[in-house]
Amino acid sequence: MSNLNFYNINISTGKPLNNSQVIKKENNVNKQEQSFDSVFKAELAQCGINFTKHAANRIDERGIDVSDDKLERINRGMKLAREKGLEDVLVLVDKTAFIVNAKNSTVITTVGYAEKNENVFTNIQGTVII
């Protein structure tokens, strides 16, 4: 009788994942387990825009789109407002209105297109249309 050695080897089929794909996959799993609020805050921290609790609640409740493109445009609007010396500003991005404090890079509140009918925006120094 011969002396056989057995090895416990995992065999998988398909394309192997590189390290960045593994990390991205882990991050996606973690995001699904996290609440909207925590994921939202983490994404915003990367873009440099702050949202008040009120604004974050409005976005969540009304299902307002805050894609990377919109965040970049809001940021650009705040920069333009700061250059003109404005502080509290209405930034219009597509069909969404954002009331922002440009000095602090903070969104104070937001109104979607459906809610804009017959609204009056007060205590603002200007409007930026992006």
N, C-alpha and C. Protein backbone atom coordinates (compact mmCIF):
# COMPACT_ATOMS: atom_id res chain seq x y z
N MET A 1 0.84 -1.15 0.00
CA MET A 1 0.00 0.00 0.00
C MET A 1 0.90 1.23 0.00
N SER A 2 0.57 2.17 -0.91
CA SER A 2 1.39 3.37 -1.01
C SER A 2 0.94 4.42 -0.01
N ASN A 3 1.84 5.26 0.31
CA ASN A 3 1.58 6.33 1.27
C ASN A 3 1.12 7.57 0.50
N LEU A 4 -0.19 7.89 0.53
CA LEU A 4 -0.74 9.02 -0.20
C LEU A 4 -0.89 10.23 0.71
N ASN A 5 -0.57 11.38 0.18
CA ASN A 5 -0.77 12.64 0.90
C ASN A 5 -1.98 13.35 0.32
N PHE A 6 -2.88 13.76 1.16
CA PHE A 6 -4.06 14.49 0.71
C PHE A 6 -3.93 15.94 1.14
N TYR A 7 -4.24 16.83 0.22
CA TYR A 7 -4.17 18.25 0.50
C TYR A 7 -5.57 18.85 0.38
N ASN A 8 -5.88 19.70 1.29
CA ASN A 8 -7.17 20.36 1.29
C ASN A 8 -7.01 21.68 0.50
N ILE A 9 -7.44 21.70 -0.76
CA ILE A 9 -7.26 22.85 -1.63
C ILE A 9 -8.63 23.34 -2.08
N ASN A 10 -8.86 24.64 -1.93
CA ASN A 10 -10.10 25.23 -2.43
C ASN A 10 -9.93 25.54 -3.91
N ILE A 11 -10.87 25.11 -4.71
CA ILE A 11 -10.84 25.38 -6.14
C ILE A 11 -12.08 26.20 -6.48
N SER A 12 -11.84 27.29 -7.15
CA SER A 12 -12.98 28.11 -7.59
C SER A 12 -12.85 28.37 -9.08
N THR A 13 -13.99 28.58 -9.70
CA THR A 13 -13.98 28.85 -11.13
C THR A 13 -14.30 30.32 -11.35
N GLY A 14 -14.00 30.82 -12.49
CA GLY A 14 -14.29 32.21 -12.81
C GLY A 14 -13.05 33.07 -12.75
N LYS A 15 -13.26 34.32 -12.95
CA LYS A 15 -12.18 35.29 -13.00
C LYS A 15 -11.79 35.70 -11.58
N PRO A 16 -10.52 35.67 -11.24
CA PRO A 16 -10.11 36.06 -9.88
C PRO A 16 -10.30 37.57 -9.68
N LEU A 17 -10.62 37.96 -8.46
CA LEU A 17 -10.80 39.36 -8.12
C LEU A 17 -9.47 39.96 -7.69
N ASN A 18 -9.19 41.18 -8.12
CA ASN A 18 -8.00 41.86 -7.61
C ASN A 18 -8.37 42.52 -6.29
N ASN A 19 -7.38 43.07 -5.60
CA ASN A 19 -7.61 43.64 -4.27
C ASN A 19 -8.64 44.76 -4.26
N SER A 20 -8.63 45.65 -5.27
CA SER A 20 -9.58 46.76 -5.27
C SER A 20 -11.01 46.26 -5.46
N GLN A 21 -11.19 45.18 -6.23
CA GLN A 21 -12.53 44.62 -6.41
C GLN A 21 -13.03 43.99 -5.11
N VAL A 22 -12.14 43.36 -4.37
CA VAL A 22 -12.52 42.75 -3.09
C VAL A 22 -12.93 43.83 -2.10
N ILE A 23 -12.15 44.91 -2.03
CA ILE A 23 -12.46 46.01 -1.12
C ILE A 23 -13.77 46.67 -1.51
N LYS A 24 -13.97 46.91 -2.82
CA LYS A 24 -15.21 47.53 -3.30
C LYS A 24 -16.41 46.65 -2.96
N LYS A 25 -16.26 45.34 -3.13
CA LYS A 25 -17.34 44.41 -2.82
C LYS A 25 -17.66 44.46 -1.33
N GLU A 26 -16.64 44.49 -0.48
CA GLU A 26 -16.85 44.57 0.96
C GLU A 26 -17.54 45.88 1.33
N ASN A 27 -17.13 46.99 0.70
CA ASN A 27 -17.75 48.29 0.98
C ASN A 27 -19.22 48.29 0.58
N ASN A 28 -19.55 47.66 -0.55
CA ASN A 28 -20.95 47.60 -0.97
C ASN A 28 -21.79 46.81 0.01
N VAL A 29 -21.25 45.72 0.52
CA VAL A 29 -21.97 44.92 1.51
C VAL A 29 -22.19 45.74 2.77
N ASN A 30 -21.16 46.46 3.21
CA ASN A 30 -21.27 47.29 4.41
C ASN A 30 -22.30 48.39 4.21
N LYS A 31 -22.34 49.01 3.02
CA LYS A 31 -23.28 50.09 2.77
C LYS A 31 -24.72 49.59 2.83
N GLN A 32 -24.95 48.36 2.36
CA GLN A 32 -26.30 47.82 2.38
C GLN A 32 -26.76 47.60 3.81
N GLU A 33 -25.85 47.31 4.70
CA GLU A 33 -26.20 47.05 6.09
C GLU A 33 -26.35 48.35 6.88
N GLN A 34 -25.80 49.46 6.38
CA GLN A 34 -25.85 50.72 7.08
C GLN A 34 -27.15 51.46 6.76
N SER A 35 -27.50 52.39 7.61
CA SER A 35 -28.69 53.19 7.39
C SER A 35 -28.42 54.23 6.30
N PHE A 36 -29.49 54.77 5.75
CA PHE A 36 -29.36 55.83 4.75
C PHE A 36 -28.54 56.98 5.31
N ASP A 37 -28.84 57.37 6.52
CA ASP A 37 -28.19 58.52 7.14
C ASP A 37 -26.68 58.34 7.22
N SER A 38 -26.22 57.17 7.66
CA SER A 38 -24.79 56.97 7.81
C SER A 38 -24.08 56.90 6.46
N VAL A 39 -24.70 56.28 5.47
CA VAL A 39 -24.10 56.22 4.13
C VAL A 39 -24.07 57.62 3.52
N PHE A 40 -25.17 58.35 3.68
CA PHE A 40 -25.28 59.70 3.15
C PHE A 40 -24.18 60.59 3.74
N LYS A 41 -24.00 60.54 5.04
CA LYS A 41 -22.98 61.37 5.70
C LYS A 41 -21.57 61.00 5.24
N ALA A 42 -21.33 59.71 5.04
CA ALA A 42 -20.01 59.28 4.59
C ALA A 42 -19.72 59.78 3.18
N GLU A 43 -20.71 59.72 2.30
CA GLU A 43 -20.53 60.20 0.94
C GLU A 43 -20.32 61.71 0.92
N LEU A 44 -21.06 62.43 1.75
CA LEU A 44 -20.95 63.88 1.78
C LEU A 44 -19.61 64.33 2.33
N ALA A 45 -19.06 63.58 3.25
CA ALA A 45 -17.77 63.94 3.83
C ALA A 45 -16.70 63.98 2.75
N GLN A 46 -16.85 63.14 1.73
CA GLN A 46 -15.87 63.09 0.66
C GLN A 46 -15.96 64.29 -0.28
N CYS A 47 -17.15 64.89 -0.42
CA CYS A 47 -17.32 65.98 -1.37
C CYS A 47 -17.14 67.35 -0.74
N GLY A 48 -17.08 67.46 0.58
CA GLY A 48 -16.84 68.74 1.24
C GLY A 48 -18.08 69.57 1.46
N ILE A 49 -19.26 69.02 1.26
CA ILE A 49 -20.51 69.74 1.48
C ILE A 49 -21.15 69.20 2.75
N ASN A 50 -21.62 70.11 3.61
CA ASN A 50 -22.34 69.71 4.81
C ASN A 50 -23.83 69.87 4.57
N PHE A 51 -24.62 69.01 5.17
CA PHE A 51 -26.07 69.11 5.11
C PHE A 51 -26.59 69.20 6.54
N THR A 52 -27.48 70.15 6.80
CA THR A 52 -28.10 70.20 8.12
C THR A 52 -28.97 68.96 8.28
N LYS A 53 -29.32 68.67 9.50
CA LYS A 53 -30.19 67.52 9.76
C LYS A 53 -31.52 67.71 9.03
N HIS A 54 -32.02 68.93 9.03
CA HIS A 54 -33.28 69.23 8.34
C HIS A 54 -33.16 68.93 6.85
N ALA A 55 -32.08 69.38 6.22
CA ALA A 55 -31.88 69.14 4.78
C ALA A 55 -31.75 67.65 4.48
N ALA A 56 -31.01 66.94 5.31
CA ALA A 56 -30.85 65.49 5.11
C ALA A 56 -32.19 64.78 5.23
N ASN A 57 -33.01 65.20 6.19
CA ASN A 57 -34.34 64.60 6.34
C ASN A 57 -35.21 64.88 5.13
N ARG A 58 -35.16 66.11 4.59
CA ARG A 58 -35.94 66.46 3.40
C ARG A 58 -35.53 65.60 2.22
N ILE A 59 -34.24 65.42 2.05
CA ILE A 59 -33.73 64.61 0.94
C ILE A 59 -34.22 63.18 1.06
N ASP A 60 -34.15 62.64 2.26
CA ASP A 60 -34.58 61.26 2.51
C ASP A 60 -36.09 61.12 2.32
N GLU A 61 -36.86 62.01 2.93
CA GLU A 61 -38.32 61.92 2.87
C GLU A 61 -38.87 62.10 1.46
N ARG A 62 -38.28 63.01 0.72
CA ARG A 62 -38.81 63.36 -0.60
C ARG A 62 -38.13 62.62 -1.74
N GLY A 63 -37.15 61.81 -1.42
CA GLY A 63 -36.46 61.04 -2.46
C GLY A 63 -35.74 61.93 -3.47
N ILE A 64 -35.14 63.00 -2.98
CA ILE A 64 -34.45 63.95 -3.86
C ILE A 64 -33.09 63.37 -4.26
N ASP A 65 -32.81 63.45 -5.55
CA ASP A 65 -31.56 62.93 -6.11
C ASP A 65 -30.39 63.81 -5.69
N VAL A 66 -29.39 63.20 -5.07
CA VAL A 66 -28.16 63.91 -4.72
C VAL A 66 -26.97 63.12 -5.26
N SER A 67 -26.99 62.92 -6.57
CA SER A 67 -25.93 62.19 -7.24
C SER A 67 -24.62 62.97 -7.16
N ASP A 68 -23.54 62.31 -7.52
CA ASP A 68 -22.22 62.97 -7.52
C ASP A 68 -22.23 64.21 -8.40
N ASP A 69 -22.92 64.12 -9.54
CA ASP A 69 -23.01 65.26 -10.46
C ASP A 69 -23.69 66.45 -9.78
N LYS A 70 -24.80 66.19 -9.09
CA LYS A 70 -25.51 67.28 -8.41
C LYS A 70 -24.67 67.86 -7.28
N LEU A 71 -23.99 67.01 -6.54
CA LEU A 71 -23.14 67.51 -5.46
C LEU A 71 -22.04 68.41 -6.00
N GLU A 72 -21.47 68.02 -7.12
CA GLU A 72 -20.42 68.83 -7.75
C GLU A 72 -21.00 70.17 -8.19
N ARG A 73 -22.20 70.16 -8.73
CA ARG A 73 -22.83 71.39 -9.19
C ARG A 73 -23.22 72.30 -8.01
N ILE A 74 -23.68 71.71 -6.92
CA ILE A 74 -23.98 72.49 -5.71
C ILE A 74 -22.69 73.15 -5.21
N ASN A 75 -21.63 72.37 -5.19
CA ASN A 75 -20.32 72.88 -4.75
C ASN A 75 -19.88 74.04 -5.63
N ARG A 76 -20.07 73.90 -6.95
CA ARG A 76 -19.71 74.96 -7.89
C ARG A 76 -20.56 76.21 -7.63
N GLY A 77 -21.85 76.01 -7.37
CA GLY A 77 -22.75 77.13 -7.06
C GLY A 77 -22.32 77.86 -5.80
N MET A 78 -21.92 77.12 -4.78
CA MET A 78 -21.46 77.74 -3.54
C MET A 78 -20.18 78.54 -3.78
N LYS A 79 -19.30 77.99 -4.61
CA LYS A 79 -18.05 78.68 -4.92
C LYS A 79 -18.34 80.01 -5.63
N LEU A 80 -19.25 79.97 -6.60
CA LEU A 80 -19.63 81.20 -7.32
C LEU A 80 -20.22 82.23 -6.35
N ALA A 81 -21.05 81.77 -5.43
CA ALA A 81 -21.67 82.66 -4.45
C ALA A 81 -20.62 83.30 -3.55
N ARG A 82 -19.67 82.48 -3.09
CA ARG A 82 -18.58 83.00 -2.23
C ARG A 82 -17.77 84.06 -2.98
N GLU A 83 -17.50 83.80 -4.27
CA GLU A 83 -16.73 84.75 -5.08
C GLU A 83 -17.44 86.11 -5.19
N LYS A 84 -18.77 86.09 -5.15
CA LYS A 84 -19.56 87.33 -5.22
C LYS A 84 -19.82 87.93 -3.84
N GLY A 85 -19.32 87.27 -2.79
CA GLY A 85 -19.50 87.77 -1.44
C GLY A 85 -20.86 87.44 -0.84
N LEU A 86 -21.56 86.48 -1.41
CA LEU A 86 -22.88 86.08 -0.92
C LEU A 86 -22.75 84.98 0.12
N GLU A 87 -23.67 84.99 1.06
CA GLU A 87 -23.62 83.96 2.11
C GLU A 87 -24.80 82.99 1.99
N ASP A 88 -26.01 83.48 2.20
CA ASP A 88 -27.20 82.61 2.10
C ASP A 88 -27.78 82.72 0.70
N VAL A 89 -27.78 81.61 -0.02
CA VAL A 89 -28.07 81.62 -1.45
C VAL A 89 -29.02 80.48 -1.82
N LEU A 90 -29.84 80.73 -2.84
CA LEU A 90 -30.66 79.70 -3.45
C LEU A 90 -29.87 79.16 -4.63
N VAL A 91 -29.55 77.87 -4.62
CA VAL A 91 -28.84 77.25 -5.73
C VAL A 91 -29.84 76.33 -6.43
N LEU A 92 -30.10 76.62 -7.71
CA LEU A 92 -31.02 75.80 -8.50
C LEU A 92 -30.21 74.84 -9.36
N VAL A 93 -30.44 73.55 -9.15
CA VAL A 93 -29.77 72.51 -9.91
C VAL A 93 -30.87 71.68 -10.56
N ASP A 94 -30.95 71.78 -11.88
CA ASP A 94 -32.02 71.13 -12.64
C ASP A 94 -33.37 71.55 -12.06
N LYS A 95 -34.12 70.63 -11.52
CA LYS A 95 -35.45 70.94 -10.99
C LYS A 95 -35.49 70.90 -9.46
N THR A 96 -34.33 71.08 -8.84
CA THR A 96 -34.25 71.03 -7.39
C THR A 96 -33.66 72.33 -6.86
N ALA A 97 -34.27 72.87 -5.80
CA ALA A 97 -33.78 74.09 -5.16
C ALA A 97 -33.07 73.72 -3.86
N PHE A 98 -31.88 74.27 -3.68
CA PHE A 98 -31.10 74.06 -2.47
C PHE A 98 -30.84 75.43 -1.85
N ILE A 99 -31.25 75.63 -0.61
CA ILE A 99 -30.89 76.84 0.13
C ILE A 99 -29.60 76.51 0.85
N VAL A 100 -28.56 77.29 0.56
CA VAL A 100 -27.24 76.97 1.11
C VAL A 100 -26.64 78.17 1.82
N ASN A 101 -25.76 77.87 2.75
CA ASN A 101 -24.90 78.87 3.35
C ASN A 101 -23.54 78.65 2.69
N ALA A 102 -23.23 79.51 1.72
CA ALA A 102 -22.02 79.33 0.92
C ALA A 102 -20.75 79.46 1.76
N LYS A 103 -20.79 80.34 2.75
CA LYS A 103 -19.62 80.57 3.60
C LYS A 103 -19.20 79.28 4.32
N ASN A 104 -20.19 78.53 4.81
CA ASN A 104 -19.91 77.30 5.56
C ASN A 104 -20.03 76.03 4.72
N SER A 105 -20.30 76.17 3.42
CA SER A 105 -20.51 75.02 2.53
C SER A 105 -21.56 74.07 3.09
N THR A 106 -22.70 74.66 3.50
CA THR A 106 -23.75 73.88 4.14
C THR A 106 -25.08 74.06 3.41
N VAL A 107 -25.73 72.93 3.12
CA VAL A 107 -27.09 72.98 2.57
C VAL A 107 -28.03 73.05 3.75
N ILE A 108 -28.88 74.08 3.76
CA ILE A 108 -29.79 74.30 4.88
C ILE A 108 -31.10 73.55 4.69
N THR A 109 -31.63 73.61 3.46
CA THR A 109 -32.85 72.86 3.14
C THR A 109 -32.90 72.65 1.64
N THR A 110 -33.80 71.81 1.20
CA THR A 110 -33.94 71.52 -0.21
C THR A 110 -35.40 71.31 -0.55
N VAL A 111 -35.76 71.70 -1.76
CA VAL A 111 -37.14 71.57 -2.22
C VAL A 111 -37.11 70.95 -3.60
N GLY A 112 -37.84 69.86 -3.77
CA GLY A 112 -37.93 69.21 -5.07
C GLY A 112 -38.87 69.96 -5.99
N TYR A 113 -38.88 69.58 -7.25
CA TYR A 113 -39.67 70.26 -8.28
C TYR A 113 -41.16 70.27 -7.93
N ALA A 114 -41.68 69.19 -7.43
CA ALA A 114 -43.12 69.10 -7.12
C ALA A 114 -43.52 70.10 -6.04
N GLU A 115 -42.62 70.42 -5.12
CA GLU A 115 -42.95 71.32 -4.02
C GLU A 115 -42.66 72.79 -4.33
N LYS A 116 -42.06 73.10 -5.48
CA LYS A 116 -41.64 74.47 -5.77
C LYS A 116 -42.80 75.39 -6.14
N ASN A 117 -43.96 74.86 -6.46
CA ASN A 117 -45.08 75.70 -6.84
C ASN A 117 -45.49 76.60 -5.68
N GLU A 118 -45.56 77.88 -5.98
CA GLU A 118 -46.00 78.89 -5.03
C GLU A 118 -45.17 78.95 -3.75
N ASN A 119 -43.91 78.62 -3.83
CA ASN A 119 -43.03 78.76 -2.67
C ASN A 119 -42.35 80.12 -2.71
N VAL A 120 -42.08 80.65 -1.55
CA VAL A 120 -41.36 81.91 -1.42
C VAL A 120 -40.09 81.61 -0.63
N PHE A 121 -38.95 82.00 -1.19
CA PHE A 121 -37.68 81.81 -0.51
C PHE A 121 -37.26 83.14 0.08
N THR A 122 -37.13 83.18 1.39
CA THR A 122 -36.77 84.43 2.08
C THR A 122 -35.38 84.31 2.71
N ASN A 123 -34.88 85.44 3.14
CA ASN A 123 -33.58 85.51 3.83
C ASN A 123 -32.44 84.96 2.98
N ILE A 124 -32.50 85.21 1.68
CA ILE A 124 -31.39 84.84 0.80
C ILE A 124 -30.82 86.11 0.19
N GLN A 125 -29.55 86.06 -0.18
CA GLN A 125 -28.89 87.22 -0.76
C GLN A 125 -28.80 87.13 -2.28
N GLY A 126 -29.05 85.95 -2.83
CA GLY A 126 -28.95 85.80 -4.27
C GLY A 126 -29.33 84.40 -4.70
N THR A 127 -29.31 84.21 -6.01
CA THR A 127 -29.65 82.92 -6.61
C THR A 127 -28.57 82.54 -7.61
N VAL A 128 -28.16 81.28 -7.58
CA VAL A 128 -27.21 80.75 -8.54
C VAL A 128 -27.91 79.62 -9.29
N ILE A 129 -27.93 79.72 -10.60
CA ILE A 129 -28.54 78.66 -11.42
C ILE A 129 -27.41 77.88 -12.06
N ILE A 130 -27.32 76.62 -11.72
CA ILE A 130 -26.24 75.76 -12.22
C ILE A 130 -26.85 74.67 -13.09
